[in-house]
C-alpha atoms as a PDB file:
ATOM      1  CA  MET A   1      12.161 -55.167  22.229  1.00  0.00           C
ATOM      2  CA  LEU A   2      12.870 -51.442  21.991  1.00  0.00           C
ATOM      3  CA  ASN A   3      11.421 -51.405  18.488  1.00  0.00           C
ATOM      4  CA  ASN A   4       8.168 -52.851  19.786  1.00  0.00           C
ATOM      5  CA  ALA A   5       7.950 -50.412  22.705  1.00  0.00           C
ATOM      6  CA  LEU A   6       6.212 -47.832  20.522  1.00  0.00           C
ATOM      7  CA  ASP A   7       3.593 -50.407  19.505  1.00  0.00           C
ATOM      8  CA  PHE A   8       2.293 -50.654  23.067  1.00  0.00           C
ATOM      9  CA  ILE A   9      -0.370 -48.039  22.282  1.00  0.00           C
ATOM     10  CA  PRO A  10      -2.663 -49.056  19.414  1.00  0.00           C
ATOM     11  CA  GLU A  11      -2.890 -46.910  16.308  1.00  0.00           C
ATOM     12  CA  ILE A  12      -5.054 -43.817  16.812  1.00  0.00           C
ATOM     13  CA  PRO A  13      -7.681 -43.611  14.033  1.00  0.00           C
ATOM     14  CA  LEU A  14      -6.946 -40.016  13.041  1.00  0.00           C
ATOM     15  CA  SER A  15      -7.735 -40.623   9.369  1.00  0.00           C
ATOM     16  CA  ASP A  16     -11.143 -42.083  10.131  1.00  0.00           C
ATOM     17  CA  ALA A  17     -11.871 -39.292  12.600  1.00  0.00           C
ATOM     18  CA  ALA A  18     -10.965 -36.590  10.064  1.00  0.00           C
ATOM     19  CA  THR A  19     -13.156 -38.254   7.443  1.00  0.00           C
ATOM     20  CA  ALA A  20     -16.048 -38.547   9.886  1.00  0.00           C
ATOM     21  CA  VAL A  21     -15.773 -34.891  10.938  1.00  0.00           C
ATOM     22  CA  THR A  22     -15.615 -33.709   7.332  1.00  0.00           C
ATOM     23  CA  ASP A  23     -18.613 -35.843   6.344  1.00  0.00           C
ATOM     24  CA  PHE A  24     -20.544 -34.568   9.373  1.00  0.00           C
ATOM     25  CA  ILE A  25     -19.831 -30.909   8.559  1.00  0.00           C
ATOM     26  CA  THR A  26     -20.612 -31.412   4.872  1.00  0.00           C
ATOM     27  CA  ASP A  27     -23.916 -33.114   5.691  1.00  0.00           C
ATOM     28  CA  LYS A  28     -25.121 -30.887   8.518  1.00  0.00           C
ATOM     29  CA  PHE A  29     -24.090 -27.582   6.944  1.00  0.00           C
ATOM     30  CA  SER A  30     -25.038 -28.358   3.355  1.00  0.00           C
ATOM     31  CA  PHE A  31     -27.841 -25.810   3.733  1.00  0.00           C
ATOM     32  CA  LEU A  32     -25.085 -23.191   4.078  1.00  0.00           C
ATOM     33  CA  PHE A  33     -22.456 -24.518   1.664  1.00  0.00           C
ATOM     34  CA  ASN A  34     -24.810 -25.124  -1.268  1.00  0.00           C
ATOM     35  CA  PRO A  35     -26.205 -21.542  -1.422  1.00  0.00           C
ATOM     36  CA  ILE A  36     -22.692 -20.143  -1.060  1.00  0.00           C
ATOM     37  CA  LYS A  37     -21.464 -22.345  -3.894  1.00  0.00           C
ATOM     38  CA  GLU A  38     -24.412 -21.432  -6.092  1.00  0.00           C
ATOM     39  CA  HIS A  39     -24.843 -17.716  -5.434  1.00  0.00           C
ATOM     40  CA  PHE A  40     -21.224 -16.783  -4.777  1.00  0.00           C
ATOM     41  CA  GLY A  41     -20.160 -18.813  -7.798  1.00  0.00           C
ATOM     42  CA  THR A  42     -22.710 -16.948  -9.914  1.00  0.00           C
ATOM     43  CA  PHE A  43     -21.433 -13.637  -8.569  1.00  0.00           C
ATOM     44  CA  MET A  44     -17.830 -14.547  -9.383  1.00  0.00           C
ATOM     45  CA  GLU A  45     -18.798 -15.539 -12.916  1.00  0.00           C
ATOM     46  CA  PHE A  46     -20.632 -12.232 -13.247  1.00  0.00           C
ATOM     47  CA  MET A  47     -17.587 -10.288 -12.020  1.00  0.00           C
ATOM     48  CA  SER A  48     -15.222 -12.140 -14.311  1.00  0.00           C
ATOM     49  CA  GLU A  49     -17.240 -12.696 -17.503  1.00  0.00           C
ATOM     50  CA  ASP A  50     -19.819  -9.905 -17.457  1.00  0.00           C
ATOM     51  CA  VAL A  51     -17.799  -7.114 -15.872  1.00  0.00           C
ATOM     52  CA  LEU A  52     -14.038  -7.456 -16.235  1.00  0.00           C
ATOM     53  CA  MET A  53     -14.026  -9.268 -19.587  1.00  0.00           C
ATOM     54  CA  ASN A  54     -16.411  -6.685 -21.057  1.00  0.00           C
ATOM     55  CA  ILE A  55     -13.975  -3.879 -20.264  1.00  0.00           C
ATOM     56  CA  PRO A  56     -11.891  -3.230 -23.406  1.00  0.00           C
ATOM     57  CA  PRO A  57      -8.302  -4.273 -22.656  1.00  0.00           C
ATOM     58  CA  ILE A  58      -6.939  -0.881 -23.720  1.00  0.00           C
ATOM     59  CA  ILE A  59      -9.247   0.869 -21.227  1.00  0.00           C
ATOM     60  CA  PHE A  60      -8.267  -1.527 -18.446  1.00  0.00           C
ATOM     61  CA  ILE A  61      -4.569  -1.034 -19.154  1.00  0.00           C
ATOM     62  CA  ILE A  62      -4.896   2.763 -19.240  1.00  0.00           C
ATOM     63  CA  VAL A  63      -6.832   2.841 -15.955  1.00  0.00           C
ATOM     64  CA  ILE A  64      -4.254   0.640 -14.198  1.00  0.00           C
ATOM     65  CA  ALA A  65      -1.420   2.775 -15.610  1.00  0.00           C
ATOM     66  CA  ILE A  66      -3.043   6.007 -14.407  1.00  0.00           C
ATOM     67  CA  LEU A  67      -3.678   4.461 -10.987  1.00  0.00           C
ATOM     68  CA  ALA A  68      -0.065   3.287 -10.783  1.00  0.00           C
ATOM     69  CA  PHE A  69       1.199   6.721 -11.874  1.00  0.00           C
ATOM     70  CA  PHE A  70      -0.602   8.666  -9.162  1.00  0.00           C
ATOM     71  CA  ILE A  71      -0.181   6.106  -6.373  1.00  0.00           C
ATOM     72  CA  SER A  72       3.566   5.911  -7.021  1.00  0.00           C
ATOM     73  CA  GLY A  73       3.890   9.661  -6.538  1.00  0.00           C
ATOM     74  CA  LYS A  74       3.589  10.638 -10.221  1.00  0.00           C
ATOM     75  CA  LYS A  75       6.528   8.476 -11.258  1.00  0.00           C
ATOM     76  CA  PHE A  76       6.473   6.863 -14.684  1.00  0.00           C
ATOM     77  CA  GLY A  77       8.328   3.648 -13.850  1.00  0.00           C
ATOM     78  CA  LEU A  78       5.415   1.624 -12.464  1.00  0.00           C
ATOM     79  CA  ALA A  79       2.971   3.060 -15.016  1.00  0.00           C
ATOM     80  CA  VAL A  80       5.199   2.102 -17.930  1.00  0.00           C
ATOM     81  CA  PHE A  81       5.787  -1.366 -16.501  1.00  0.00           C
ATOM     82  CA  SER A  82       2.024  -1.816 -16.072  1.00  0.00           C
ATOM     83  CA  ILE A  83       1.368  -0.850 -19.685  1.00  0.00           C
ATOM     84  CA  VAL A  84       4.096  -3.082 -21.113  1.00  0.00           C
ATOM     85  CA  GLY A  85       3.345  -5.996 -18.794  1.00  0.00           C
ATOM     86  CA  LEU A  86      -0.423  -6.022 -19.305  1.00  0.00           C
ATOM     87  CA  TRP A  87       0.004  -5.551 -23.053  1.00  0.00           C
ATOM     88  CA  LEU A  88       2.343  -8.560 -23.121  1.00  0.00           C
ATOM     89  CA  ILE A  89      -0.272 -10.700 -21.375  1.00  0.00           C
ATOM     90  CA  TYR A  90      -2.876  -9.575 -23.917  1.00  0.00           C
ATOM     91  CA  ASN A  91      -0.453 -10.165 -26.781  1.00  0.00           C
ATOM     92  CA  GLN A  92       0.069 -13.758 -25.649  1.00  0.00           C
ATOM     93  CA  GLY A  93      -3.664 -14.479 -25.638  1.00  0.00           C
ATOM     94  CA  HIS A  94      -4.083 -14.769 -21.878  1.00  0.00           C
ATOM     95  CA  TRP A  95      -6.330 -11.779 -21.242  1.00  0.00           C
ATOM     96  CA  ASP A  96      -9.388 -13.828 -20.245  1.00  0.00           C
ATOM     97  CA  ASN A  97      -7.218 -15.936 -17.952  1.00  0.00           C
ATOM     98  CA  LEU A  98      -5.850 -12.748 -16.421  1.00  0.00           C
ATOM     99  CA  MET A  99      -9.369 -11.475 -15.681  1.00  0.00           C
ATOM    100  CA  ASN A 100     -10.268 -14.779 -14.002  1.00  0.00           C
ATOM    101  CA  THR A 101      -7.112 -14.564 -11.907  1.00  0.00           C
ATOM    102  CA  VAL A 102      -7.819 -10.954 -10.947  1.00  0.00           C
ATOM    103  CA  THR A 103     -11.338 -11.944  -9.882  1.00  0.00           C
ATOM    104  CA  LEU A 104     -10.065 -14.777  -7.685  1.00  0.00           C
ATOM    105  CA  VAL A 105      -7.333 -12.686  -6.065  1.00  0.00           C
ATOM    106  CA  LEU A 106      -9.543  -9.630  -5.613  1.00  0.00           C
ATOM    107  CA  LEU A 107     -12.421 -11.463  -3.929  1.00  0.00           C
ATOM    108  CA  ALA A 108     -10.147 -13.632  -1.770  1.00  0.00           C
ATOM    109  CA  SER A 109      -8.207 -10.548  -0.637  1.00  0.00           C
ATOM    110  CA  ILE A 110     -11.341  -8.515   0.130  1.00  0.00           C
ATOM    111  CA  LEU A 111     -12.864 -11.342   2.160  1.00  0.00           C
ATOM    112  CA  SER A 112      -9.563 -11.887   3.981  1.00  0.00           C
ATOM    113  CA  VAL A 113      -9.411  -8.210   4.965  1.00  0.00           C
ATOM    114  CA  ILE A 114     -13.091  -8.100   5.988  1.00  0.00           C
ATOM    115  CA  ILE A 115     -12.566 -11.122   8.232  1.00  0.00           C
ATOM    116  CA  GLY A 116      -8.980 -10.450   9.315  1.00  0.00           C
ATOM    117  CA  VAL A 117      -9.120  -6.827  10.491  1.00  0.00           C
ATOM    118  CA  PRO A 118     -11.970  -7.311  13.024  1.00  0.00           C
ATOM    119  CA  ILE A 119     -10.324 -10.465  14.385  1.00  0.00           C
ATOM    120  CA  GLY A 120      -7.022  -8.589  14.718  1.00  0.00           C
ATOM    121  CA  ILE A 121      -8.785  -5.770  16.579  1.00  0.00           C
ATOM    122  CA  LEU A 122     -10.450  -8.299  18.877  1.00  0.00           C
ATOM    123  CA  MET A 123      -7.105  -9.977  19.582  1.00  0.00           C
ATOM    124  CA  SER A 124      -5.513  -6.646  20.450  1.00  0.00           C
ATOM    125  CA  LYS A 125      -8.295  -5.843  22.925  1.00  0.00           C
ATOM    126  CA  SER A 126      -8.782  -9.243  24.560  1.00  0.00           C
ATOM    127  CA  LYS A 127      -6.136 -11.521  26.043  1.00  0.00           C
ATOM    128  CA  THR A 128      -8.598 -14.406  25.857  1.00  0.00           C
ATOM    129  CA  ALA A 129      -9.209 -13.870  22.144  1.00  0.00           C
ATOM    130  CA  ASN A 130      -5.475 -13.533  21.574  1.00  0.00           C
ATOM    131  CA  ALA A 131      -4.848 -16.837  23.352  1.00  0.00           C
ATOM    132  CA  ILE A 132      -7.576 -18.557  21.318  1.00  0.00           C
ATOM    133  CA  PHE A 133      -6.735 -17.240  17.872  1.00  0.00           C
ATOM    134  CA  THR A 134      -2.919 -17.383  18.075  1.00  0.00           C
ATOM    135  CA  PRO A 135      -2.647 -21.205  17.817  1.00  0.00           C
ATOM    136  CA  ILE A 136      -5.329 -21.197  15.103  1.00  0.00           C
ATOM    137  CA  LEU A 137      -3.281 -18.711  13.077  1.00  0.00           C
ATOM    138  CA  ASP A 138      -0.136 -20.767  13.681  1.00  0.00           C
ATOM    139  CA  PHE A 139      -1.979 -23.818  12.359  1.00  0.00           C
ATOM    140  CA  MET A 140      -3.235 -21.924   9.292  1.00  0.00           C
ATOM    141  CA  GLN A 141       0.216 -20.608   8.439  1.00  0.00           C
ATOM    142  CA  THR A 142       2.166 -23.818   8.969  1.00  0.00           C
ATOM    143  CA  MET A 143      -0.232 -26.150   7.186  1.00  0.00           C
ATOM    144  CA  PRO A 144       0.931 -26.876   3.597  1.00  0.00           C
ATOM    145  CA  ALA A 145      -1.205 -24.977   1.113  1.00  0.00           C
ATOM    146  CA  PHE A 146      -2.205 -28.145  -0.740  1.00  0.00           C
ATOM    147  CA  VAL A 147      -3.977 -29.464   2.367  1.00  0.00           C
ATOM    148  CA  TYR A 148      -6.485 -26.611   2.201  1.00  0.00           C
ATOM    149  CA  LEU A 149      -7.788 -28.053  -1.054  1.00  0.00           C
ATOM    150  CA  ILE A 150      -9.228 -31.087   0.779  1.00  0.00           C
ATOM    151  CA  PRO A 151     -11.900 -29.301   2.862  1.00  0.00           C
ATOM    152  CA  ALA A 152     -12.473 -26.824   0.016  1.00  0.00           C
ATOM    153  CA  VAL A 153     -13.438 -29.634  -2.353  1.00  0.00           C
ATOM    154  CA  ALA A 154     -15.399 -31.460   0.352  1.00  0.00           C
ATOM    155  CA  PHE A 155     -17.506 -28.393   1.165  1.00  0.00           C
ATOM    156  CA  PHE A 156     -17.850 -26.664  -2.219  1.00  0.00           C
ATOM    157  CA  GLY A 157     -16.935 -29.177  -4.932  1.00  0.00           C
ATOM    158  CA  ILE A 158     -14.662 -27.917  -7.690  1.00  0.00           C
ATOM    159  CA  GLY A 159     -14.448 -24.539  -9.386  1.00  0.00           C
ATOM    160  CA  MET A 160     -13.600 -20.977  -8.433  1.00  0.00           C
ATOM    161  CA  VAL A 161     -15.548 -20.955  -5.143  1.00  0.00           C
ATOM    162  CA  PRO A 162     -13.372 -23.620  -3.425  1.00  0.00           C
ATOM    163  CA  GLY A 163     -10.340 -21.827  -4.878  1.00  0.00           C
ATOM    164  CA  VAL A 164     -11.386 -18.627  -3.115  1.00  0.00           C
ATOM    165  CA  PHE A 165     -12.135 -20.595   0.075  1.00  0.00           C
ATOM    166  CA  ALA A 166      -8.667 -22.184   0.101  1.00  0.00           C
ATOM    167  CA  SER A 167      -7.034 -18.817  -0.688  1.00  0.00           C
ATOM    168  CA  LEU A 168      -9.047 -17.212   2.106  1.00  0.00           C
ATOM    169  CA  ILE A 169      -7.733 -19.638   4.726  1.00  0.00           C
ATOM    170  CA  PHE A 170      -4.170 -19.338   3.451  1.00  0.00           C
ATOM    171  CA  ALA A 171      -4.103 -15.542   3.067  1.00  0.00           C
ATOM    172  CA  THR A 172      -6.018 -14.258   6.122  1.00  0.00           C
ATOM    173  CA  PRO A 173      -3.389 -14.710   8.924  1.00  0.00           C
ATOM    174  CA  PRO A 174      -1.068 -11.817   7.905  1.00  0.00           C
ATOM    175  CA  THR A 175      -3.907  -9.282   8.085  1.00  0.00           C
ATOM    176  CA  VAL A 176      -4.971 -10.611  11.489  1.00  0.00           C
ATOM    177  CA  ARG A 177      -1.452 -10.635  12.930  1.00  0.00           C
ATOM    178  CA  PHE A 178      -0.406  -7.232  11.564  1.00  0.00           C
ATOM    179  CA  THR A 179      -3.641  -5.596  12.735  1.00  0.00           C
ATOM    180  CA  ASN A 180      -3.129  -7.032  16.205  1.00  0.00           C
ATOM    181  CA  LEU A 181       0.519  -5.974  16.212  1.00  0.00           C
ATOM    182  CA  GLY A 182      -0.158  -2.484  14.882  1.00  0.00           C
ATOM    183  CA  ILE A 183      -2.781  -1.647  17.492  1.00  0.00           C
ATOM    184  CA  ARG A 184      -0.671  -3.067  20.318  1.00  0.00           C
ATOM    185  CA  GLN A 185       2.262  -0.876  19.223  1.00  0.00           C
ATOM    186  CA  VAL A 186       0.278   2.363  19.425  1.00  0.00           C
ATOM    187  CA  SER A 187       1.867   4.635  22.007  1.00  0.00           C
ATOM    188  CA  LYS A 188       0.266   4.247  25.431  1.00  0.00           C
ATOM    189  CA  ASP A 189       0.620   8.005  25.916  1.00  0.00           C
ATOM    190  CA  LEU A 190      -1.720   8.622  22.980  1.00  0.00           C
ATOM    191  CA  VAL A 191      -4.223   6.116  24.302  1.00  0.00           C
ATOM    192  CA  GLU A 192      -4.097   7.669  27.760  1.00  0.00           C
ATOM    193  CA  ALA A 193      -4.539  11.134  26.254  1.00  0.00           C
ATOM    194  CA  ALA A 194      -7.625   9.909  24.391  1.00  0.00           C
ATOM    195  CA  ASP A 195      -8.983   8.456  27.626  1.00  0.00           C
ATOM    196  CA  ALA A 196      -8.266  11.722  29.427  1.00  0.00           C
ATOM    197  CA  PHE A 197     -10.367  13.640  26.886  1.00  0.00           C
ATOM    198  CA  GLY A 198     -13.261  11.277  27.497  1.00  0.00           C
ATOM    199  CA  SER A 199     -13.124   9.325  24.241  1.00  0.00           C
ATOM    200  CA  THR A 200     -15.363   6.317  23.954  1.00  0.00           C
ATOM    201  CA  GLY A 201     -13.934   2.939  22.979  1.00  0.00           C
ATOM    202  CA  ALA A 202     -15.096   3.372  19.388  1.00  0.00           C
ATOM    203  CA  GLN A 203     -13.684   6.910  19.147  1.00  0.00           C
ATOM    204  CA  LYS A 204     -10.365   5.767  20.553  1.00  0.00           C
ATOM    205  CA  LEU A 205     -10.232   2.866  18.086  1.00  0.00           C
ATOM    206  CA  PHE A 206     -11.197   4.736  14.917  1.00  0.00           C
ATOM    207  CA  LYS A 207      -9.595   8.107  15.628  1.00  0.00           C
ATOM    208  CA  VAL A 208      -6.387   7.091  17.427  1.00  0.00           C
ATOM    209  CA  GLU A 209      -5.455   3.417  17.260  1.00  0.00           C
ATOM    210  CA  LEU A 210      -6.396   2.480  13.689  1.00  0.00           C
ATOM    211  CA  PRO A 211      -4.895   5.650  12.121  1.00  0.00           C
ATOM    212  CA  MET A 212      -1.654   5.143  14.033  1.00  0.00           C
ATOM    213  CA  ALA A 213      -1.555   1.443  13.115  1.00  0.00           C
ATOM    214  CA  LYS A 214      -2.486   2.037   9.475  1.00  0.00           C
ATOM    215  CA  ALA A 215       1.025   1.490   8.081  1.00  0.00           C
ATOM    216  CA  THR A 216       1.365  -1.853   9.865  1.00  0.00           C
ATOM    217  CA  ILE A 217      -2.131  -2.954   8.837  1.00  0.00           C
ATOM    218  CA  MET A 218      -1.442  -2.034   5.205  1.00  0.00           C
ATOM    219  CA  ALA A 219       1.737  -4.116   5.313  1.00  0.00           C
ATOM    220  CA  GLY A 220      -0.375  -7.057   6.445  1.00  0.00           C
ATOM    221  CA  ILE A 221      -2.896  -6.442   3.670  1.00  0.00           C
ATOM    222  CA  ASN A 222      -0.060  -6.381   1.149  1.00  0.00           C
ATOM    223  CA  GLN A 223       1.107  -9.784   2.372  1.00  0.00           C
ATOM    224  CA  THR A 224      -2.459 -11.101   2.257  1.00  0.00           C
ATOM    225  CA  VAL A 225      -2.890 -10.062  -1.374  1.00  0.00           C
ATOM    226  CA  MET A 226       0.409 -11.651  -2.361  1.00  0.00           C
ATOM    227  CA  LEU A 227      -0.456 -14.890  -0.572  1.00  0.00           C
ATOM    228  CA  ALA A 228      -3.843 -14.964  -2.312  1.00  0.00           C
ATOM    229  CA  LEU A 229      -2.040 -14.574  -5.621  1.00  0.00           C
ATOM    230  CA  SER A 230       0.389 -17.349  -4.719  1.00  0.00           C
ATOM    231  CA  MET A 231      -2.595 -19.710  -4.400  1.00  0.00           C
ATOM    232  CA  VAL A 232      -3.588 -19.193  -8.044  1.00  0.00           C
ATOM    233  CA  VAL A 233      -1.672 -22.195  -9.376  1.00  0.00           C
ATOM    234  CA  ILE A 234      -2.619 -24.409  -6.417  1.00  0.00           C
ATOM    235  CA  ALA A 235      -6.311 -23.481  -6.676  1.00  0.00           C
ATOM    236  CA  SER A 236      -6.250 -24.471 -10.348  1.00  0.00           C
ATOM    237  CA  MET A 237      -5.889 -28.082  -9.184  1.00  0.00           C
ATOM    238  CA  ILE A 238      -9.502 -27.969  -7.996  1.00  0.00           C
ATOM    239  CA  GLY A 239     -10.881 -26.276 -11.083  1.00  0.00           C
ATOM    240  CA  ALA A 240     -10.222 -22.574 -10.481  1.00  0.00           C
ATOM    241  CA  PRO A 241      -9.792 -20.875 -13.871  1.00  0.00           C
ATOM    242  CA  GLY A 242      -7.098 -18.383 -14.771  1.00  0.00           C
ATOM    243  CA  LEU A 243      -3.387 -18.230 -15.429  1.00  0.00           C
ATOM    244  CA  GLY A 244      -2.753 -20.923 -12.829  1.00  0.00           C
ATOM    245  CA  ARG A 245      -4.741 -23.432 -14.868  1.00  0.00           C
ATOM    246  CA  GLU A 246      -2.500 -22.762 -17.864  1.00  0.00           C
ATOM    247  CA  VAL A 247       0.607 -23.330 -15.739  1.00  0.00           C
ATOM    248  CA  LEU A 248      -0.819 -26.577 -14.359  1.00  0.00           C
ATOM    249  CA  SER A 249      -1.874 -27.797 -17.788  1.00  0.00           C
ATOM    250  CA  SER A 250       1.567 -27.047 -19.225  1.00  0.00           C
ATOM    251  CA  LEU A 251       3.211 -28.846 -16.317  1.00  0.00           C
ATOM    252  CA  GLN A 252       1.078 -31.940 -16.862  1.00  0.00           C
ATOM    253  CA  ARG A 253       1.907 -31.973 -20.570  1.00  0.00           C
ATOM    254  CA  ALA A 254       5.580 -31.005 -20.099  1.00  0.00           C
ATOM    255  CA  GLN A 255       5.081 -27.942 -22.324  1.00  0.00           C
ATOM    256  CA  VAL A 256       7.769 -25.502 -21.266  1.00  0.00           C
ATOM    257  CA  GLY A 257       6.824 -22.617 -23.550  1.00  0.00           C
ATOM    258  CA  PRO A 258       3.119 -22.179 -22.663  1.00  0.00           C
ATOM    259  CA  GLY A 259       3.863 -22.735 -18.981  1.00  0.00           C
ATOM    260  CA  PHE A 260       6.606 -20.104 -19.067  1.00  0.00           C
ATOM    261  CA  VAL A 261       4.308 -17.551 -20.727  1.00  0.00           C
ATOM    262  CA  ALA A 262       1.504 -18.127 -18.207  1.00  0.00           C
ATOM    263  CA  GLY A 263       4.027 -17.962 -15.359  1.00  0.00           C
ATOM    264  CA  ILE A 264       5.343 -14.649 -16.661  1.00  0.00           C
ATOM    265  CA  GLY A 265       1.771 -13.354 -16.627  1.00  0.00           C
ATOM    266  CA  ILE A 266       1.432 -14.270 -12.945  1.00  0.00           C
ATOM    267  CA  VAL A 267       4.768 -12.589 -12.178  1.00  0.00           C
ATOM    268  CA  ILE A 268       3.719  -9.388 -13.979  1.00  0.00           C
ATOM    269  CA  LEU A 269       0.415  -9.273 -12.094  1.00  0.00           C
ATOM    270  CA  ALA A 270       2.199  -9.940  -8.794  1.00  0.00           C
ATOM    271  CA  ILE A 271       4.678  -7.104  -9.337  1.00  0.00           C
ATOM    272  CA  ILE A 272       1.945  -4.624 -10.285  1.00  0.00           C
ATOM    273  CA  ILE A 273      -0.212  -5.516  -7.269  1.00  0.00           C
ATOM    274  CA  ASP A 274       2.756  -5.505  -4.890  1.00  0.00           C
ATOM    275  CA  ARG A 275       4.066  -2.131  -6.023  1.00  0.00           C
ATOM    276  CA  ILE A 276       0.621  -0.518  -5.968  1.00  0.00           C
ATOM    277  CA  THR A 277      -0.194  -1.727  -2.447  1.00  0.00           C
ATOM    278  CA  GLN A 278       3.257  -0.781  -1.167  1.00  0.00           C
ATOM    279  CA  ASN A 279       2.985   2.718  -2.611  1.00  0.00           C
ATOM    280  CA  MET A 280      -0.494   3.122  -1.166  1.00  0.00           C
ATOM    281  CA  ASN A 281       1.027   2.447   2.226  1.00  0.00           C
ATOM    282  CA  LYS A 282       3.829   4.954   1.685  1.00  0.00           C
ATOM    283  CA  LYS A 283       1.399   7.563   0.385  1.00  0.00           C
ATOM    284  CA  LYS A 284      -0.843   7.263   3.423  1.00  0.00           C
ATOM    285  CA  ASP A 285       2.149   7.260   5.734  1.00  0.00           C
END
């Protein structure tokens, strides 16, 4: 009898409801999704194939090494690691895959920052916005990353565009939360002093609050970039090219060697990006 007590309420058709909502959005907003898929996909192919892949690898490696050298405070460690690591990826024949991965991570990170920072500012200024966006961010961060592939494929098909879309959803919350946190932690005395000197809301935001919260915001951006990179392998399941596709292919074929080499390439890229963004934060601080 106790076992049947839970059967008193009939099964709620959540699956059918989710399917209906997805079909409705896909149908009604196809005028928006199709141009994004077409034009943004073309732009990503242009960035990857016509821009990054046309840069001679030696030039790309030298530029990254110089950037790492100066950002790290003129220390050779990161620059040398960048040279050796990127050369190893080229030596293993994964340079084109690396450029595709860089394109995916770069665009997903830029879009996440463009969307995340204004939302974080809004949350810090409005209790209503904070109450609305907080559960949404909780949902985005607790949802398994694989689930994001479902709406991505439904809206944009397969390829790099849905990969960026899924990465965008997964990687945006840290920038939003850290921006909100950083602005809220700005000293009230500084804010009151700005008000006393007659600063407008925009002046107070751009000349006091954002500069003081810059270190916290940069920490959030660092986490966003790393989360976007962590989606590389997952996004390859829906057709996103790059090093993640090589890892997935090796996993499906049980090829340890090629999968290990592609995985090492992702690790090298992750370390370079992480150290550069961290040192940018320290330099500004």
